[in-house]
Amino acid sequence: MKATLSLVALSAALAVVAAPADAASKKHRAKHLRPAYSAYAAQPQIACTVVGCHPVPRGCHPEMGYSADGTPTGFDVAVCGNYTLYGLRR
């Protein structure tokens, strides 16, 4: 009876001592397994055109829009190489 009682007490004491050590090792291990994050992705440019504000497609950039007679409209156009979206440019 005394041997069983001391065995139970020893098991409980080992469980109490081992639990914090096990938790610390898991926390430490998880820190190293976390992936390295790079900088935030670049936000897309926005062109506020005659039809509303839209993200500019990849490979394009916003510029000032002009009417057919050459006066500024106050809206943007998206310039993509040899063509424009949403209006005219000079």
PDB file of N, CA and C in Angstrom:
ATOM      1  N   MET A   1       0.822  -1.186   0.000  1.00  0.00           N
ATOM      2  CA  MET A   1       0.000   0.000   0.000  1.00  0.00           C
ATOM      3  C   MET A   1       0.865   1.248   0.000  1.00  0.00           C
ATOM      4  N   LYS A   2       1.934   1.234   0.853  1.00  0.00           N
ATOM      5  CA  LYS A   2       2.834   2.386   0.890  1.00  0.00           C
ATOM      6  C   LYS A   2       3.569   2.532  -0.433  1.00  0.00           C
ATOM      7  N   ALA A   3       3.952   1.438  -1.055  1.00  0.00           N
ATOM      8  CA  ALA A   3       4.673   1.486  -2.324  1.00  0.00           C
ATOM      9  C   ALA A   3       3.787   2.045  -3.427  1.00  0.00           C
ATOM     10  N   THR A   4       2.526   1.671  -3.441  1.00  0.00           N
ATOM     11  CA  THR A   4       1.589   2.165  -4.449  1.00  0.00           C
ATOM     12  C   THR A   4       1.343   3.655  -4.249  1.00  0.00           C
ATOM     13  N   LEU A   5       1.191   4.088  -3.002  1.00  0.00           N
ATOM     14  CA  LEU A   5       0.968   5.485  -2.701  1.00  0.00           C
ATOM     15  C   LEU A   5       2.168   6.338  -3.090  1.00  0.00           C
ATOM     16  N   SER A   6       3.366   5.869  -2.793  1.00  0.00           N
ATOM     17  CA  SER A   6       4.560   6.627  -3.157  1.00  0.00           C
ATOM     18  C   SER A   6       4.771   6.626  -4.670  1.00  0.00           C
ATOM     19  N   LEU A   7       4.386   5.552  -5.355  1.00  0.00           N
ATOM     20  CA  LEU A   7       4.493   5.496  -6.814  1.00  0.00           C
ATOM     21  C   LEU A   7       3.529   6.501  -7.454  1.00  0.00           C
ATOM     22  N   VAL A   8       2.320   6.604  -6.913  1.00  0.00           N
ATOM     23  CA  VAL A   8       1.345   7.570  -7.416  1.00  0.00           C
ATOM     24  C   VAL A   8       1.839   8.989  -7.162  1.00  0.00           C
ATOM     25  N   ALA A   9       2.391   9.254  -5.999  1.00  0.00           N
ATOM     26  CA  ALA A   9       2.916  10.576  -5.675  1.00  0.00           C
ATOM     27  C   ALA A   9       4.094  10.924  -6.574  1.00  0.00           C
ATOM     28  N   LEU A  10       4.959   9.964  -6.838  1.00  0.00           N
ATOM     29  CA  LEU A  10       6.103  10.189  -7.719  1.00  0.00           C
ATOM     30  C   LEU A  10       5.639  10.475  -9.149  1.00  0.00           C
ATOM     31  N   SER A  11       4.647   9.733  -9.613  1.00  0.00           N
ATOM     32  CA  SER A  11       4.115   9.956 -10.962  1.00  0.00           C
ATOM     33  C   SER A  11       3.491  11.346 -11.084  1.00  0.00           C
ATOM     34  N   ALA A  12       2.754  11.768 -10.071  1.00  0.00           N
ATOM     35  CA  ALA A  12       2.135  13.088 -10.085  1.00  0.00           C
ATOM     36  C   ALA A  12       3.188  14.184 -10.068  1.00  0.00           C
ATOM     37  N   ALA A  13       4.222  14.005  -9.282  1.00  0.00           N
ATOM     38  CA  ALA A  13       5.289  14.996  -9.214  1.00  0.00           C
ATOM     39  C   ALA A  13       6.018  15.102 -10.544  1.00  0.00           C
ATOM     40  N   LEU A  14       6.274  13.987 -11.194  1.00  0.00           N
ATOM     41  CA  LEU A  14       6.936  14.016 -12.503  1.00  0.00           C
ATOM     42  C   LEU A  14       6.048  14.660 -13.560  1.00  0.00           C
ATOM     43  N   ALA A  15       4.760  14.435 -13.488  1.00  0.00           N
ATOM     44  CA  ALA A  15       3.841  15.043 -14.455  1.00  0.00           C
ATOM     45  C   ALA A  15       3.814  16.559 -14.301  1.00  0.00           C
ATOM     46  N   VAL A  16       3.848  17.035 -13.054  1.00  0.00           N
ATOM     47  CA  VAL A  16       3.833  18.472 -12.803  1.00  0.00           C
ATOM     48  C   VAL A  16       5.124  19.110 -13.282  1.00  0.00           C
ATOM     49  N   VAL A  17       6.251  18.448 -13.081  1.00  0.00           N
ATOM     50  CA  VAL A  17       7.549  18.981 -13.495  1.00  0.00           C
ATOM     51  C   VAL A  17       7.701  18.915 -15.002  1.00  0.00           C
ATOM     52  N   ALA A  18       7.217  17.855 -15.631  1.00  0.00           N
ATOM     53  CA  ALA A  18       7.401  17.661 -17.071  1.00  0.00           C
ATOM     54  C   ALA A  18       6.475  18.542 -17.895  1.00  0.00           C
ATOM     55  N   ALA A  19       5.297  18.891 -17.402  1.00  0.00           N
ATOM     56  CA  ALA A  19       4.334  19.669 -18.179  1.00  0.00           C
ATOM     57  C   ALA A  19       4.867  21.044 -18.571  1.00  0.00           C
ATOM     58  N   PRO A  20       5.419  21.870 -17.657  1.00  0.00           N
ATOM     59  CA  PRO A  20       5.927  23.180 -18.086  1.00  0.00           C
ATOM     60  C   PRO A  20       7.131  23.058 -19.026  1.00  0.00           C
ATOM     61  N   ALA A  21       7.972  22.077 -18.814  1.00  0.00           N
ATOM     62  CA  ALA A  21       9.130  21.908 -19.696  1.00  0.00           C
ATOM     63  C   ALA A  21       8.682  21.520 -21.092  1.00  0.00           C
ATOM     64  N   ASP A  22       7.660  20.681 -21.184  1.00  0.00           N
ATOM     65  CA  ASP A  22       7.137  20.269 -22.479  1.00  0.00           C
ATOM     66  C   ASP A  22       6.473  21.444 -23.180  1.00  0.00           C
ATOM     67  N   ALA A  23       5.713  22.253 -22.449  1.00  0.00           N
ATOM     68  CA  ALA A  23       5.044  23.403 -23.039  1.00  0.00           C
ATOM     69  C   ALA A  23       6.059  24.422 -23.550  1.00  0.00           C
ATOM     70  N   ALA A  24       7.122  24.629 -22.806  1.00  0.00           N
ATOM     71  CA  ALA A  24       8.140  25.590 -23.229  1.00  0.00           C
ATOM     72  C   ALA A  24       8.838  25.110 -24.489  1.00  0.00           C
ATOM     73  N   SER A  25       9.102  23.826 -24.584  1.00  0.00           N
ATOM     74  CA  SER A  25       9.799  23.338 -25.769  1.00  0.00           C
ATOM     75  C   SER A  25       8.899  23.428 -27.000  1.00  0.00           C
ATOM     76  N   LYS A  26       7.606  23.194 -26.851  1.00  0.00           N
ATOM     77  CA  LYS A  26       6.696  23.316 -27.987  1.00  0.00           C
ATOM     78  C   LYS A  26       6.603  24.762 -28.446  1.00  0.00           C
ATOM     79  N   LYS A  27       6.528  25.683 -27.497  1.00  0.00           N
ATOM     80  CA  LYS A  27       6.438  27.098 -27.848  1.00  0.00           C
ATOM     81  C   LYS A  27       7.706  27.540 -28.573  1.00  0.00           C
ATOM     82  N   HIS A  28       8.838  27.097 -28.091  1.00  0.00           N
ATOM     83  CA  HIS A  28      10.116  27.452 -28.708  1.00  0.00           C
ATOM     84  C   HIS A  28      10.219  26.863 -30.115  1.00  0.00           C
ATOM     85  N   ARG A  29       9.764  25.628 -30.264  1.00  0.00           N
ATOM     86  CA  ARG A  29       9.831  24.954 -31.553  1.00  0.00           C
ATOM     87  C   ARG A  29       8.902  25.634 -32.551  1.00  0.00           C
ATOM     88  N   ALA A  30       7.715  26.026 -32.115  1.00  0.00           N
ATOM     89  CA  ALA A  30       6.750  26.659 -33.010  1.00  0.00           C
ATOM     90  C   ALA A  30       7.282  27.994 -33.530  1.00  0.00           C
ATOM     91  N   LYS A  31       8.074  28.672 -32.730  1.00  0.00           N
ATOM     92  CA  LYS A  31       8.617  29.952 -33.156  1.00  0.00           C
ATOM     93  C   LYS A  31       9.522  29.787 -34.378  1.00  0.00           C
ATOM     94  N   HIS A  32      10.269  28.700 -34.431  1.00  0.00           N
ATOM     95  CA  HIS A  32      11.187  28.488 -35.543  1.00  0.00           C
ATOM     96  C   HIS A  32      10.494  27.932 -36.782  1.00  0.00           C
ATOM     97  N   LEU A  33       9.328  27.331 -36.622  1.00  0.00           N
ATOM     98  CA  LEU A  33       8.622  26.768 -37.759  1.00  0.00           C
ATOM     99  C   LEU A  33       7.751  27.787 -38.477  1.00  0.00           C
ATOM    100  N   ARG A  34       7.560  28.946 -37.882  1.00  0.00           N
ATOM    101  CA  ARG A  34       6.739  29.977 -38.493  1.00  0.00           C
ATOM    102  C   ARG A  34       7.424  30.478 -39.766  1.00  0.00           C
ATOM    103  N   PRO A  35       6.682  30.611 -40.887  1.00  0.00           N
ATOM    104  CA  PRO A  35       7.317  31.067 -42.125  1.00  0.00           C
ATOM    105  C   PRO A  35       7.730  32.536 -42.037  1.00  0.00           C
ATOM    106  N   ALA A  36       8.771  32.881 -42.728  1.00  0.00           N
ATOM    107  CA  ALA A  36       9.228  34.269 -42.762  1.00  0.00           C
ATOM    108  C   ALA A  36       8.350  35.037 -43.744  1.00  0.00           C
ATOM    109  N   TYR A  37       7.780  36.148 -43.279  1.00  0.00           N
ATOM    110  CA  TYR A  37       6.909  36.943 -44.124  1.00  0.00           C
ATOM    111  C   TYR A  37       7.714  38.064 -44.767  1.00  0.00           C
ATOM    112  N   SER A  38       7.454  38.290 -46.024  1.00  0.00           N
ATOM    113  CA  SER A  38       8.144  39.376 -46.718  1.00  0.00           C
ATOM    114  C   SER A  38       7.342  40.659 -46.538  1.00  0.00           C
ATOM    115  N   ALA A  39       7.786  41.702 -47.150  1.00  0.00           N
ATOM    116  CA  ALA A  39       7.102  42.983 -47.061  1.00  0.00           C
ATOM    117  C   ALA A  39       5.717  42.862 -47.700  1.00  0.00           C
ATOM    118  N   TYR A  40       4.849  43.804 -47.378  1.00  0.00           N
ATOM    119  CA  TYR A  40       3.509  43.789 -47.938  1.00  0.00           C
ATOM    120  C   TYR A  40       3.572  43.928 -49.451  1.00  0.00           C
ATOM    121  N   ALA A  41       2.602  43.321 -50.126  1.00  0.00           N
ATOM    122  CA  ALA A  41       2.513  43.437 -51.574  1.00  0.00           C
ATOM    123  C   ALA A  41       2.144  44.872 -51.939  1.00  0.00           C
ATOM    124  N   ALA A  42       2.607  45.317 -53.090  1.00  0.00           N
ATOM    125  CA  ALA A  42       2.311  46.670 -53.542  1.00  0.00           C
ATOM    126  C   ALA A  42       0.817  46.813 -53.814  1.00  0.00           C
ATOM    127  N   GLN A  43       0.256  47.928 -53.386  1.00  0.00           N
ATOM    128  CA  GLN A  43      -1.157  48.179 -53.607  1.00  0.00           C
ATOM    129  C   GLN A  43      -1.359  48.603 -55.061  1.00  0.00           C
ATOM    130  N   PRO A  44      -2.449  48.156 -55.693  1.00  0.00           N
ATOM    131  CA  PRO A  44      -2.678  48.548 -57.088  1.00  0.00           C
ATOM    132  C   PRO A  44      -3.004  50.034 -57.177  1.00  0.00           C
ATOM    133  N   GLN A  45      -2.612  50.634 -58.279  1.00  0.00           N
ATOM    134  CA  GLN A  45      -2.939  52.040 -58.492  1.00  0.00           C
ATOM    135  C   GLN A  45      -4.408  52.160 -58.848  1.00  0.00           C
ATOM    136  N   ILE A  46      -4.998  53.287 -58.527  1.00  0.00           N
ATOM    137  CA  ILE A  46      -6.414  53.540 -58.798  1.00  0.00           C
ATOM    138  C   ILE A  46      -6.512  54.699 -59.785  1.00  0.00           C
ATOM    139  N   ALA A  47      -7.346  54.531 -60.811  1.00  0.00           N
ATOM    140  CA  ALA A  47      -7.627  55.610 -61.764  1.00  0.00           C
ATOM    141  C   ALA A  47      -9.090  55.985 -61.618  1.00  0.00           C
ATOM    142  N   CYS A  48      -9.346  57.245 -61.296  1.00  0.00           N
ATOM    143  CA  CYS A  48     -10.727  57.734 -61.198  1.00  0.00           C
ATOM    144  C   CYS A  48     -11.124  58.266 -62.565  1.00  0.00           C
ATOM    145  N   THR A  49     -11.875  57.458 -63.289  1.00  0.00           N
ATOM    146  CA  THR A  49     -12.214  57.743 -64.680  1.00  0.00           C
ATOM    147  C   THR A  49     -13.636  58.258 -64.784  1.00  0.00           C
ATOM    148  N   VAL A  50     -14.087  58.465 -66.004  1.00  0.00           N
ATOM    149  CA  VAL A  50     -15.443  58.936 -66.270  1.00  0.00           C
ATOM    150  C   VAL A  50     -16.459  57.907 -65.773  1.00  0.00           C
ATOM    151  N   VAL A  51     -16.127  56.635 -65.803  1.00  0.00           N
ATOM    152  CA  VAL A  51     -17.067  55.582 -65.409  1.00  0.00           C
ATOM    153  C   VAL A  51     -16.890  55.144 -63.960  1.00  0.00           C
ATOM    154  N   GLY A  52     -16.035  55.827 -63.191  1.00  0.00           N
ATOM    155  CA  GLY A  52     -15.826  55.500 -61.785  1.00  0.00           C
ATOM    156  C   GLY A  52     -14.366  55.211 -61.481  1.00  0.00           C
ATOM    157  N   CYS A  53     -14.067  54.932 -60.239  1.00  0.00           N
ATOM    158  CA  CYS A  53     -12.693  54.642 -59.829  1.00  0.00           C
ATOM    159  C   CYS A  53     -12.447  53.138 -59.899  1.00  0.00           C
ATOM    160  N   HIS A  54     -11.401  52.770 -60.619  1.00  0.00           N
ATOM    161  CA  HIS A  54     -11.088  51.361 -60.848  1.00  0.00           C
ATOM    162  C   HIS A  54      -9.599  51.126 -60.650  1.00  0.00           C
ATOM    163  N   PRO A  55      -9.204  49.903 -60.278  1.00  0.00           N
ATOM    164  CA  PRO A  55      -7.778  49.594 -60.231  1.00  0.00           C
ATOM    165  C   PRO A  55      -7.198  49.589 -61.652  1.00  0.00           C
ATOM    166  N   VAL A  56      -5.997  50.098 -61.776  1.00  0.00           N
ATOM    167  CA  VAL A  56      -5.328  50.129 -63.073  1.00  0.00           C
ATOM    168  C   VAL A  56      -4.777  48.736 -63.351  1.00  0.00           C
ATOM    169  N   PRO A  57      -5.013  48.196 -64.547  1.00  0.00           N
ATOM    170  CA  PRO A  57      -4.500  46.862 -64.868  1.00  0.00           C
ATOM    171  C   PRO A  57      -2.977  46.797 -64.806  1.00  0.00           C
ATOM    172  N   ARG A  58      -2.455  45.612 -64.597  1.00  0.00           N
ATOM    173  CA  ARG A  58      -1.010  45.407 -64.542  1.00  0.00           C
ATOM    174  C   ARG A  58      -0.384  45.808 -65.880  1.00  0.00           C
ATOM    175  N   GLY A  59       0.710  46.512 -65.837  1.00  0.00           N
ATOM    176  CA  GLY A  59       1.386  46.968 -67.053  1.00  0.00           C
ATOM    177  C   GLY A  59       0.891  48.319 -67.541  1.00  0.00           C
ATOM    178  N   CYS A  60      -0.056  48.928 -66.845  1.00  0.00           N
ATOM    179  CA  CYS A  60      -0.611  50.228 -67.226  1.00  0.00           C
ATOM    180  C   CYS A  60      -0.322  51.242 -66.124  1.00  0.00           C
ATOM    181  N   HIS A  61      -0.548  52.519 -66.423  1.00  0.00           N
ATOM    182  CA  HIS A  61      -0.392  53.562 -65.420  1.00  0.00           C
ATOM    183  C   HIS A  61      -1.424  54.663 -65.673  1.00  0.00           C
ATOM    184  N   PRO A  62      -1.864  55.356 -64.613  1.00  0.00           N
ATOM    185  CA  PRO A  62      -2.855  56.417 -64.806  1.00  0.00           C
ATOM    186  C   PRO A  62      -2.206  57.718 -65.279  1.00  0.00           C
ATOM    187  N   GLU A  63      -2.908  58.423 -66.137  1.00  0.00           N
ATOM    188  CA  GLU A  63      -2.493  59.752 -66.600  1.00  0.00           C
ATOM    189  C   GLU A  63      -3.721  60.646 -66.656  1.00  0.00           C
ATOM    190  N   MET A  64      -3.490  61.950 -66.800  1.00  0.00           N
ATOM    191  CA  MET A  64      -4.575  62.931 -66.912  1.00  0.00           C
ATOM    192  C   MET A  64      -5.324  62.705 -68.222  1.00  0.00           C
ATOM    193  N   GLY A  65      -6.660  62.731 -68.149  1.00  0.00           N
ATOM    194  CA  GLY A  65      -7.479  62.561 -69.347  1.00  0.00           C
ATOM    195  C   GLY A  65      -7.835  63.893 -69.979  1.00  0.00           C
ATOM    196  N   TYR A  66      -7.991  63.883 -71.286  1.00  0.00           N
ATOM    197  CA  TYR A  66      -8.326  65.097 -72.039  1.00  0.00           C
ATOM    198  C   TYR A  66      -9.519  64.828 -72.929  1.00  0.00           C
ATOM    199  N   SER A  67     -10.280  65.879 -73.235  1.00  0.00           N
ATOM    200  CA  SER A  67     -11.394  65.749 -74.172  1.00  0.00           C
ATOM    201  C   SER A  67     -10.850  65.792 -75.595  1.00  0.00           C
ATOM    202  N   ALA A  68     -11.747  65.626 -76.564  1.00  0.00           N
ATOM    203  CA  ALA A  68     -11.320  65.598 -77.965  1.00  0.00           C
ATOM    204  C   ALA A  68     -10.713  66.928 -78.412  1.00  0.00           C
ATOM    205  N   ASP A  69     -11.142  68.060 -77.805  1.00  0.00           N
ATOM    206  CA  ASP A  69     -10.584  69.354 -78.210  1.00  0.00           C
ATOM    207  C   ASP A  69      -9.325  69.713 -77.425  1.00  0.00           C
ATOM    208  N   GLY A  70      -8.858  68.857 -76.503  1.00  0.00           N
ATOM    209  CA  GLY A  70      -7.596  69.075 -75.820  1.00  0.00           C
ATOM    210  C   GLY A  70      -7.690  69.667 -74.427  1.00  0.00           C
ATOM    211  N   THR A  71      -8.901  69.938 -73.946  1.00  0.00           N
ATOM    212  CA  THR A  71      -9.023  70.477 -72.592  1.00  0.00           C
ATOM    213  C   THR A  71      -9.032  69.318 -71.575  1.00  0.00           C
ATOM    214  N   PRO A  72      -8.445  69.534 -70.398  1.00  0.00           N
ATOM    215  CA  PRO A  72      -8.433  68.469 -69.387  1.00  0.00           C
ATOM    216  C   PRO A  72      -9.847  68.168 -68.884  1.00  0.00           C
ATOM    217  N   THR A  73     -10.137  66.919 -68.695  1.00  0.00           N
ATOM    218  CA  THR A  73     -11.466  66.516 -68.237  1.00  0.00           C
ATOM    219  C   THR A  73     -11.551  66.459 -66.716  1.00  0.00           C
ATOM    220  N   GLY A  74     -10.422  66.337 -66.035  1.00  0.00           N
ATOM    221  CA  GLY A  74     -10.436  66.170 -64.593  1.00  0.00           C
ATOM    222  C   GLY A  74     -10.498  64.710 -64.177  1.00  0.00           C
ATOM    223  N   PHE A  75     -10.582  63.821 -65.156  1.00  0.00           N
ATOM    224  CA  PHE A  75     -10.597  62.393 -64.893  1.00  0.00           C
ATOM    225  C   PHE A  75      -9.290  61.771 -65.366  1.00  0.00           C
ATOM    226  N   ASP A  76      -9.015  60.576 -64.879  1.00  0.00           N
ATOM    227  CA  ASP A  76      -7.826  59.845 -65.299  1.00  0.00           C
ATOM    228  C   ASP A  76      -8.152  58.924 -66.460  1.00  0.00           C
ATOM    229  N   VAL A  77      -7.113  58.549 -67.183  1.00  0.00           N
ATOM    230  CA  VAL A  77      -7.198  57.458 -68.151  1.00  0.00           C
ATOM    231  C   VAL A  77      -6.089  56.474 -67.809  1.00  0.00           C
ATOM    232  N   ALA A  78      -6.306  55.213 -68.095  1.00  0.00           N
ATOM    233  CA  ALA A  78      -5.285  54.196 -67.879  1.00  0.00           C
ATOM    234  C   ALA A  78      -4.535  54.002 -69.188  1.00  0.00           C
ATOM    235  N   VAL A  79      -3.234  54.264 -69.178  1.00  0.00           N
ATOM    236  CA  VAL A  79      -2.407  54.149 -70.372  1.00  0.00           C
ATOM    237  C   VAL A  79      -1.695  52.804 -70.331  1.00  0.00           C
ATOM    238  N   CYS A  80      -1.928  52.009 -71.374  1.00  0.00           N
ATOM    239  CA  CYS A  80      -1.340  50.668 -71.461  1.00  0.00           C
ATOM    240  C   CYS A  80      -0.578  50.564 -72.775  1.00  0.00           C
ATOM    241  N   GLY A  81       0.666  50.989 -72.769  1.00  0.00           N
ATOM    242  CA  GLY A  81       1.464  50.917 -73.998  1.00  0.00           C
ATOM    243  C   GLY A  81       0.940  51.857 -75.060  1.00  0.00           C
ATOM    244  N   ASN A  82       0.391  51.306 -76.170  1.00  0.00           N
ATOM    245  CA  ASN A  82      -0.065  52.113 -77.304  1.00  0.00           C
ATOM    246  C   ASN A  82      -1.541  52.486 -77.228  1.00  0.00           C
ATOM    247  N   TYR A  83      -2.275  52.042 -76.224  1.00  0.00           N
ATOM    248  CA  TYR A  83      -3.693  52.369 -76.129  1.00  0.00           C
ATOM    249  C   TYR A  83      -4.047  52.868 -74.731  1.00  0.00           C
ATOM    250  N   THR A  84      -5.225  53.497 -74.644  1.00  0.00           N
ATOM    251  CA  THR A  84      -5.703  54.001 -73.361  1.00  0.00           C
ATOM    252  C   THR A  84      -7.052  53.362 -73.046  1.00  0.00           C
ATOM    253  N   LEU A  85      -7.328  53.306 -71.741  1.00  0.00           N
ATOM    254  CA  LEU A  85      -8.647  52.840 -71.294  1.00  0.00           C
ATOM    255  C   LEU A  85      -9.371  54.011 -70.655  1.00  0.00           C
ATOM    256  N   TYR A  86     -10.653  54.128 -70.904  1.00  0.00           N
ATOM    257  CA  TYR A  86     -11.528  55.109 -70.262  1.00  0.00           C
ATOM    258  C   TYR A  86     -11.308  56.552 -70.713  1.00  0.00           C
ATOM    259  N   GLY A  87     -10.834  56.806 -71.889  1.00  0.00           N
ATOM    260  CA  GLY A  87     -10.728  58.184 -72.358  1.00  0.00           C
ATOM    261  C   GLY A  87      -9.558  58.414 -73.287  1.00  0.00           C
ATOM    262  N   LEU A  88      -9.245  59.714 -73.495  1.00  0.00           N
ATOM    263  CA  LEU A  88      -8.173  60.131 -74.404  1.00  0.00           C
ATOM    264  C   LEU A  88      -7.033  60.751 -73.625  1.00  0.00           C
ATOM    265  N   ARG A  89      -5.846  60.669 -74.186  1.00  0.00           N
ATOM    266  CA  ARG A  89      -4.706  61.390 -73.607  1.00  0.00           C
ATOM    267  C   ARG A  89      -4.069  62.220 -74.702  1.00  0.00           C
ATOM    268  N   ARG A  90      -3.306  63.199 -74.329  1.00  0.00           N
ATOM    269  CA  ARG A  90      -2.660  64.079 -75.287  1.00  0.00           C
ATOM    270  C   ARG A  90      -1.574  63.400 -76.035  1.00  0.00           C
TER     271      ARG A  90
END
